[in-house]
Amino acid sequence: MLAVTLVSDELTLRRLRWRCRRGMRELDVLMLRYLDHRWPHADAVERGQFERLLETEDDRLWRWMMRREVATDQDLAALVERILTLPH
């Protein structure tokens, strides 16, 4: 059972890593930083929020990450701030 869970976790990380590749270097760096540093410690709620964030259009996501706009969804806005304050 443990082996199945590890394989499932690895497949999830690979899928998310692919989805983090946005085609804009700035977004790629920020999203992958979250995946590497925060995802392993995030609870199910935060993980769901991150997956919702990945559904956001690139131009809107870029404006949020560059602090030109704030997400109207408070959970996503808080997650964006968490991502922006992660160590480099």
C-alpha atoms as a PDB file:
ATOM      1  CA  MET A   1       0.000   0.000   0.000  1.00  0.00           C
ATOM      2  CA  LEU A   2       2.853   2.394   0.825  1.00  0.00           C
ATOM      3  CA  ALA A   3       4.393   1.812  -2.608  1.00  0.00           C
ATOM      4  CA  VAL A   4       1.093   2.695  -4.303  1.00  0.00           C
ATOM      5  CA  THR A   5       0.850   5.915  -2.264  1.00  0.00           C
ATOM      6  CA  LEU A   6       4.429   6.894  -3.132  1.00  0.00           C
ATOM      7  CA  VAL A   7       3.793   6.279  -6.827  1.00  0.00           C
ATOM      8  CA  SER A   8       0.566   8.271  -6.645  1.00  0.00           C
ATOM      9  CA  ASP A   9       2.340  11.164  -4.892  1.00  0.00           C
ATOM     10  CA  GLU A  10       5.127  11.109  -7.476  1.00  0.00           C
ATOM     11  CA  LEU A  11       2.619  11.168 -10.344  1.00  0.00           C
ATOM     12  CA  THR A  12       0.769  14.067  -8.716  1.00  0.00           C
ATOM     13  CA  LEU A  13       4.001  16.043  -8.341  1.00  0.00           C
ATOM     14  CA  ARG A  14       4.955  15.400 -11.966  1.00  0.00           C
ATOM     15  CA  ARG A  15       1.525  16.511 -13.149  1.00  0.00           C
ATOM     16  CA  LEU A  16       1.686  19.656 -11.003  1.00  0.00           C
ATOM     17  CA  ARG A  17       5.240  20.412 -12.084  1.00  0.00           C
ATOM     18  CA  TRP A  18       4.055  20.304 -15.705  1.00  0.00           C
ATOM     19  CA  ARG A  19       1.090  22.571 -14.910  1.00  0.00           C
ATOM     20  CA  CYS A  20       3.435  25.065 -13.170  1.00  0.00           C
ATOM     21  CA  ARG A  21       5.234  25.623 -16.463  1.00  0.00           C
ATOM     22  CA  ARG A  22       3.363  28.673 -17.626  1.00  0.00           C
ATOM     23  CA  GLY A  23       5.541  29.870 -20.484  1.00  0.00           C
ATOM     24  CA  MET A  24       6.488  33.013 -18.576  1.00  0.00           C
ATOM     25  CA  ARG A  25       9.768  32.627 -16.730  1.00  0.00           C
ATOM     26  CA  GLU A  26       8.649  34.746 -13.777  1.00  0.00           C
ATOM     27  CA  LEU A  27       5.543  32.635 -13.241  1.00  0.00           C
ATOM     28  CA  ASP A  28       7.435  29.377 -13.736  1.00  0.00           C
ATOM     29  CA  VAL A  29       9.928  30.329 -11.017  1.00  0.00           C
ATOM     30  CA  LEU A  30       7.255  31.397  -8.533  1.00  0.00           C
ATOM     31  CA  MET A  31       4.963  28.432  -9.071  1.00  0.00           C
ATOM     32  CA  LEU A  32       7.772  25.878  -8.973  1.00  0.00           C
ATOM     33  CA  ARG A  33       9.196  27.494  -5.836  1.00  0.00           C
ATOM     34  CA  TYR A  34       5.844  26.936  -4.133  1.00  0.00           C
ATOM     35  CA  LEU A  35       5.716  23.345  -5.340  1.00  0.00           C
ATOM     36  CA  ASP A  36       9.226  22.620  -4.067  1.00  0.00           C
ATOM     37  CA  HIS A  37       9.092  24.485  -0.752  1.00  0.00           C
ATOM     38  CA  ARG A  38       5.495  24.662   0.417  1.00  0.00           C
ATOM     39  CA  TRP A  39       3.516  21.858  -1.260  1.00  0.00           C
ATOM     40  CA  PRO A  40       5.053  19.030   0.803  1.00  0.00           C
ATOM     41  CA  HIS A  41       3.865  20.741   4.027  1.00  0.00           C
ATOM     42  CA  ALA A  42       0.543  22.116   2.785  1.00  0.00           C
ATOM     43  CA  ASP A  43      -2.718  20.691   4.042  1.00  0.00           C
ATOM     44  CA  ALA A  44      -5.468  19.425   1.724  1.00  0.00           C
ATOM     45  CA  VAL A  45      -7.251  22.798   1.698  1.00  0.00           C
ATOM     46  CA  GLU A  46      -4.148  24.713   0.639  1.00  0.00           C
ATOM     47  CA  ARG A  47      -3.311  22.102  -1.967  1.00  0.00           C
ATOM     48  CA  GLY A  48      -6.783  22.515  -3.421  1.00  0.00           C
ATOM     49  CA  GLN A  49      -6.308  26.276  -3.515  1.00  0.00           C
ATOM     50  CA  PHE A  50      -3.011  25.846  -5.351  1.00  0.00           C
ATOM     51  CA  GLU A  51      -4.657  23.611  -7.923  1.00  0.00           C
ATOM     52  CA  ARG A  52      -7.374  26.262  -8.363  1.00  0.00           C
ATOM     53  CA  LEU A  53      -4.647  28.882  -8.787  1.00  0.00           C
ATOM     54  CA  LEU A  54      -3.138  26.779 -11.572  1.00  0.00           C
ATOM     55  CA  GLU A  55      -6.452  27.065 -13.444  1.00  0.00           C
ATOM     56  CA  THR A  56      -6.069  30.854 -13.625  1.00  0.00           C
ATOM     57  CA  GLU A  57      -5.209  32.398 -16.989  1.00  0.00           C
ATOM     58  CA  ASP A  58      -1.561  33.360 -17.319  1.00  0.00           C
ATOM     59  CA  ASP A  59      -2.119  37.080 -17.835  1.00  0.00           C
ATOM     60  CA  ARG A  60      -4.320  37.367 -14.744  1.00  0.00           C
ATOM     61  CA  LEU A  61      -1.935  35.223 -12.693  1.00  0.00           C
ATOM     62  CA  TRP A  62       0.975  37.412 -13.789  1.00  0.00           C
ATOM     63  CA  ARG A  63      -0.877  40.573 -12.693  1.00  0.00           C
ATOM     64  CA  TRP A  64      -1.556  39.006  -9.290  1.00  0.00           C
ATOM     65  CA  MET A  65       2.045  37.854  -8.868  1.00  0.00           C
ATOM     66  CA  MET A  66       3.397  41.251  -9.868  1.00  0.00           C
ATOM     67  CA  ARG A  67       0.964  42.870  -7.395  1.00  0.00           C
ATOM     68  CA  ARG A  68      -0.704  44.891 -10.126  1.00  0.00           C
ATOM     69  CA  GLU A  69      -4.058  43.385  -9.134  1.00  0.00           C
ATOM     70  CA  VAL A  70      -5.424  41.379  -6.223  1.00  0.00           C
ATOM     71  CA  ALA A  71      -7.470  38.233  -6.657  1.00  0.00           C
ATOM     72  CA  THR A  72     -11.111  38.750  -5.718  1.00  0.00           C
ATOM     73  CA  ASP A  73     -11.111  35.304  -4.105  1.00  0.00           C
ATOM     74  CA  GLN A  74      -9.598  35.904  -0.655  1.00  0.00           C
ATOM     75  CA  ASP A  75      -8.168  32.384  -0.436  1.00  0.00           C
ATOM     76  CA  LEU A  76      -6.334  32.791  -3.743  1.00  0.00           C
ATOM     77  CA  ALA A  77      -5.150  36.274  -2.768  1.00  0.00           C
ATOM     78  CA  ALA A  78      -3.713  34.869   0.474  1.00  0.00           C
ATOM     79  CA  LEU A  79      -2.036  32.030  -1.411  1.00  0.00           C
ATOM     80  CA  VAL A  80      -0.475  34.473  -3.879  1.00  0.00           C
ATOM     81  CA  GLU A  81       0.980  36.417  -0.946  1.00  0.00           C
ATOM     82  CA  ARG A  82       2.312  33.183   0.573  1.00  0.00           C
ATOM     83  CA  ILE A  83       3.988  32.326  -2.728  1.00  0.00           C
ATOM     84  CA  LEU A  84       5.501  35.811  -3.042  1.00  0.00           C
ATOM     85  CA  THR A  85       7.009  35.621   0.441  1.00  0.00           C
ATOM     86  CA  LEU A  86       8.639  32.206   0.036  1.00  0.00           C
ATOM     87  CA  PRO A  87      12.438  32.234   0.369  1.00  0.00           C
ATOM     88  CA  HIS A  88      14.403  32.294  -2.877  1.00  0.00           C
END
